[in-house]
């Protein structure tokens, strides 16, 4: 994954059997396909990214997560070490609401992209995002 000076490093996560089982229980997914094929659900990867974004951005109370786009490029497997970075787009104003879009990329330890995505949040009028 190429990293530019504008990238925010979101962190890295080792995907374990325990983590995947906890995730599947949390989202009430009773299928065994992911464990059987040792694959990580794409939305599970997004949940890691969104959690890291929330911590890094320190979004104010009342912020609404309004849009999520995900493109899976390759599989993420149990045992993989995943790394993510993001770039914050220019805030846009519509009426009293500010829209902020963040583009992110996730790669494995070999540097192969496994997912790219975009998240948009609506920030309440009284909050400022630089």
C-alpha atoms as a PDB file:
ATOM      1  CA  UNK A   1       0.000   0.000   0.000  1.00  0.00           C
ATOM      2  CA  UNK A   2       1.471   3.331  -1.007  1.00  0.00           C
ATOM      3  CA  UNK A   3       1.398   5.873   1.801  1.00  0.00           C
ATOM      4  CA  UNK A   4       1.316   9.599   1.101  1.00  0.00           C
ATOM      5  CA  UNK A   5       2.076  12.398   3.535  1.00  0.00           C
ATOM      6  CA  UNK A   6      -1.678  13.126   3.796  1.00  0.00           C
ATOM      7  CA  UNK A   7      -2.484   9.589   4.961  1.00  0.00           C
ATOM      8  CA  UNK A   8      -3.678   8.990   8.492  1.00  0.00           C
ATOM      9  CA  UNK A   9      -2.358   5.687   9.780  1.00  0.00           C
ATOM     10  CA  UNK A  10      -5.296   3.888  11.355  1.00  0.00           C
ATOM     11  CA  UNK A  11      -3.398   0.962  12.804  1.00  0.00           C
ATOM     12  CA  UNK A  12      -2.876  -2.695  12.244  1.00  0.00           C
ATOM     13  CA  UNK A  13      -4.781  -5.752  13.389  1.00  0.00           C
ATOM     14  CA  UNK A  14      -3.907  -9.424  13.530  1.00  0.00           C
ATOM     15  CA  UNK A  15      -6.981 -11.376  12.554  1.00  0.00           C
ATOM     16  CA  UNK A  16      -7.358 -14.362  14.881  1.00  0.00           C
ATOM     17  CA  UNK A  17      -9.880 -17.183  15.187  1.00  0.00           C
ATOM     18  CA  UNK A  18     -11.034 -15.714  18.503  1.00  0.00           C
ATOM     19  CA  UNK A  19     -11.523 -12.254  17.010  1.00  0.00           C
ATOM     20  CA  UNK A  20     -13.518 -13.667  14.082  1.00  0.00           C
ATOM     21  CA  UNK A  21     -15.691 -15.781  16.393  1.00  0.00           C
ATOM     22  CA  UNK A  22     -16.373 -12.767  18.632  1.00  0.00           C
ATOM     23  CA  UNK A  23     -17.269 -10.662  15.594  1.00  0.00           C
ATOM     24  CA  UNK A  24     -19.629 -13.314  14.174  1.00  0.00           C
ATOM     25  CA  UNK A  25     -21.365 -13.678  17.553  1.00  0.00           C
ATOM     26  CA  UNK A  26     -21.703  -9.888  17.888  1.00  0.00           C
ATOM     27  CA  UNK A  27     -23.420  -9.585  14.493  1.00  0.00           C
ATOM     28  CA  UNK A  28     -25.503 -12.756  14.995  1.00  0.00           C
ATOM     29  CA  UNK A  29     -23.962 -14.520  11.994  1.00  0.00           C
ATOM     30  CA  UNK A  30     -24.449 -18.237  12.597  1.00  0.00           C
ATOM     31  CA  UNK A  31     -22.987 -19.373   9.276  1.00  0.00           C
ATOM     32  CA  UNK A  32     -19.819 -21.449   9.408  1.00  0.00           C
ATOM     33  CA  UNK A  33     -18.508 -20.515   5.961  1.00  0.00           C
ATOM     34  CA  UNK A  34     -16.089 -17.867   7.181  1.00  0.00           C
ATOM     35  CA  UNK A  35     -14.470 -20.127   9.757  1.00  0.00           C
ATOM     36  CA  UNK A  36     -14.486 -23.115   7.385  1.00  0.00           C
ATOM     37  CA  UNK A  37     -12.666 -21.201   4.642  1.00  0.00           C
ATOM     38  CA  UNK A  38     -10.663 -19.064   7.118  1.00  0.00           C
ATOM     39  CA  UNK A  39     -11.918 -15.884   5.439  1.00  0.00           C
ATOM     40  CA  UNK A  40     -12.754 -12.573   7.085  1.00  0.00           C
ATOM     41  CA  UNK A  41     -16.086 -10.970   6.139  1.00  0.00           C
ATOM     42  CA  UNK A  42     -15.490  -7.689   4.291  1.00  0.00           C
ATOM     43  CA  UNK A  43     -17.826  -5.806   6.631  1.00  0.00           C
ATOM     44  CA  UNK A  44     -15.746  -7.046   9.596  1.00  0.00           C
ATOM     45  CA  UNK A  45     -12.717  -5.313   8.093  1.00  0.00           C
ATOM     46  CA  UNK A  46     -14.770  -2.144   7.671  1.00  0.00           C
ATOM     47  CA  UNK A  47     -15.785  -2.309  11.328  1.00  0.00           C
ATOM     48  CA  UNK A  48     -12.114  -2.224  12.332  1.00  0.00           C
ATOM     49  CA  UNK A  49     -11.500   0.756  10.067  1.00  0.00           C
ATOM     50  CA  UNK A  50     -14.572   2.692  11.248  1.00  0.00           C
ATOM     51  CA  UNK A  51     -13.625   2.093  14.889  1.00  0.00           C
ATOM     52  CA  UNK A  52     -10.119   3.405  14.262  1.00  0.00           C
ATOM     53  CA  UNK A  53     -11.473   6.411  12.346  1.00  0.00           C
ATOM     54  CA  UNK A  54     -13.780   7.306  15.217  1.00  0.00           C
ATOM     55  CA  UNK A  55     -10.824   7.279  17.610  1.00  0.00           C
ATOM     56  CA  UNK A  56      -8.505   9.251  15.292  1.00  0.00           C
ATOM     57  CA  UNK A  57     -10.999  11.910  14.236  1.00  0.00           C
ATOM     58  CA  UNK A  58     -12.583  12.538  17.635  1.00  0.00           C
ATOM     59  CA  UNK A  59     -15.944  13.269  16.028  1.00  0.00           C
ATOM     60  CA  UNK A  60     -18.361  15.331  18.141  1.00  0.00           C
ATOM     61  CA  UNK A  61     -21.534  14.042  19.728  1.00  0.00           C
ATOM     62  CA  UNK A  62     -24.424  14.043  17.278  1.00  0.00           C
ATOM     63  CA  UNK A  63     -22.307  13.036  14.276  1.00  0.00           C
ATOM     64  CA  UNK A  64     -24.170  10.630  11.974  1.00  0.00           C
ATOM     65  CA  UNK A  65     -22.480   7.914   9.904  1.00  0.00           C
ATOM     66  CA  UNK A  66     -24.463   8.353   6.694  1.00  0.00           C
ATOM     67  CA  UNK A  67     -22.722   6.367   3.969  1.00  0.00           C
ATOM     68  CA  UNK A  68     -20.364   3.418   3.660  1.00  0.00           C
ATOM     69  CA  UNK A  69     -18.922   2.112   0.408  1.00  0.00           C
ATOM     70  CA  UNK A  70     -16.751  -1.008   0.361  1.00  0.00           C
ATOM     71  CA  UNK A  71     -14.782  -2.584  -2.468  1.00  0.00           C
ATOM     72  CA  UNK A  72     -13.196  -5.937  -1.734  1.00  0.00           C
ATOM     73  CA  UNK A  73     -10.071  -6.394  -3.809  1.00  0.00           C
ATOM     74  CA  UNK A  74      -8.760  -9.638  -2.363  1.00  0.00           C
ATOM     75  CA  UNK A  75      -9.422 -12.002   0.519  1.00  0.00           C
ATOM     76  CA  UNK A  76      -8.385 -11.336   4.088  1.00  0.00           C
ATOM     77  CA  UNK A  77      -7.694 -14.562   5.922  1.00  0.00           C
ATOM     78  CA  UNK A  78      -7.545 -15.614   9.540  1.00  0.00           C
ATOM     79  CA  UNK A  79      -3.932 -15.092  10.593  1.00  0.00           C
ATOM     80  CA  UNK A  80      -3.408 -12.054   8.344  1.00  0.00           C
ATOM     81  CA  UNK A  81      -1.954  -8.842   9.692  1.00  0.00           C
ATOM     82  CA  UNK A  82      -4.001  -6.000   8.206  1.00  0.00           C
ATOM     83  CA  UNK A  83      -2.938  -2.344   8.031  1.00  0.00           C
ATOM     84  CA  UNK A  84      -5.133   0.607   7.176  1.00  0.00           C
ATOM     85  CA  UNK A  85      -4.659   4.228   6.225  1.00  0.00           C
ATOM     86  CA  UNK A  86      -7.120   6.964   5.325  1.00  0.00           C
ATOM     87  CA  UNK A  87      -7.311  10.366   3.680  1.00  0.00           C
ATOM     88  CA  UNK A  88      -9.858  12.930   4.832  1.00  0.00           C
ATOM     89  CA  UNK A  89     -11.621  14.754   2.029  1.00  0.00           C
ATOM     90  CA  UNK A  90     -12.458  18.437   2.035  1.00  0.00           C
ATOM     91  CA  UNK A  91     -15.551  19.090   4.216  1.00  0.00           C
ATOM     92  CA  UNK A  92     -18.682  20.135   2.299  1.00  0.00           C
ATOM     93  CA  UNK A  93     -21.527  22.236   3.644  1.00  0.00           C
ATOM     94  CA  UNK A  94     -25.214  21.760   2.801  1.00  0.00           C
ATOM     95  CA  UNK A  95     -27.545  23.888   4.823  1.00  0.00           C
ATOM     96  CA  UNK A  96     -26.623  23.521   8.472  1.00  0.00           C
ATOM     97  CA  UNK A  97     -24.861  20.181   8.022  1.00  0.00           C
ATOM     98  CA  UNK A  98     -21.231  19.560   7.223  1.00  0.00           C
ATOM     99  CA  UNK A  99     -20.382  16.402   5.248  1.00  0.00           C
ATOM    100  CA  UNK A 100     -16.957  14.833   5.718  1.00  0.00           C
ATOM    101  CA  UNK A 101     -15.807  11.941   3.540  1.00  0.00           C
ATOM    102  CA  UNK A 102     -12.879   9.683   4.381  1.00  0.00           C
ATOM    103  CA  UNK A 103     -11.314   7.317   1.846  1.00  0.00           C
ATOM    104  CA  UNK A 104      -9.456   4.345   3.280  1.00  0.00           C
ATOM    105  CA  UNK A 105      -7.284   1.452   2.155  1.00  0.00           C
ATOM    106  CA  UNK A 106      -6.512  -1.832   3.893  1.00  0.00           C
ATOM    107  CA  UNK A 107      -3.593  -4.081   2.967  1.00  0.00           C
ATOM    108  CA  UNK A 108      -2.110  -7.305   4.272  1.00  0.00           C
ATOM    109  CA  UNK A 109       1.462  -7.748   5.538  1.00  0.00           C
ATOM    110  CA  UNK A 110       2.642  -8.455   1.972  1.00  0.00           C
ATOM    111  CA  UNK A 111       1.391  -4.987   0.970  1.00  0.00           C
ATOM    112  CA  UNK A 112      -1.479  -6.344  -1.127  1.00  0.00           C
ATOM    113  CA  UNK A 113      -4.657  -4.285  -0.938  1.00  0.00           C
ATOM    114  CA  UNK A 114      -7.596  -6.307   0.333  1.00  0.00           C
ATOM    115  CA  UNK A 115     -10.172  -3.522   0.648  1.00  0.00           C
ATOM    116  CA  UNK A 116     -10.765   0.111  -0.194  1.00  0.00           C
ATOM    117  CA  UNK A 117     -13.698   2.129   0.980  1.00  0.00           C
ATOM    118  CA  UNK A 118     -15.288   5.443   1.653  1.00  0.00           C
ATOM    119  CA  UNK A 119     -17.185   6.627   4.732  1.00  0.00           C
ATOM    120  CA  UNK A 120     -19.201   9.812   4.946  1.00  0.00           C
ATOM    121  CA  UNK A 121     -20.380  11.422   8.155  1.00  0.00           C
ATOM    122  CA  UNK A 122     -22.750  14.326   8.808  1.00  0.00           C
ATOM    123  CA  UNK A 123     -21.365  16.677  11.438  1.00  0.00           C
ATOM    124  CA  UNK A 124     -23.809  18.792  13.483  1.00  0.00           C
ATOM    125  CA  UNK A 125     -23.734  22.563  12.865  1.00  0.00           C
ATOM    126  CA  UNK A 126     -22.156  23.486  16.210  1.00  0.00           C
ATOM    127  CA  UNK A 127     -19.102  21.222  15.660  1.00  0.00           C
ATOM    128  CA  UNK A 128     -16.057  22.064  13.593  1.00  0.00           C
ATOM    129  CA  UNK A 129     -13.872  19.661  11.601  1.00  0.00           C
ATOM    130  CA  UNK A 130     -10.685  21.103  10.173  1.00  0.00           C
END
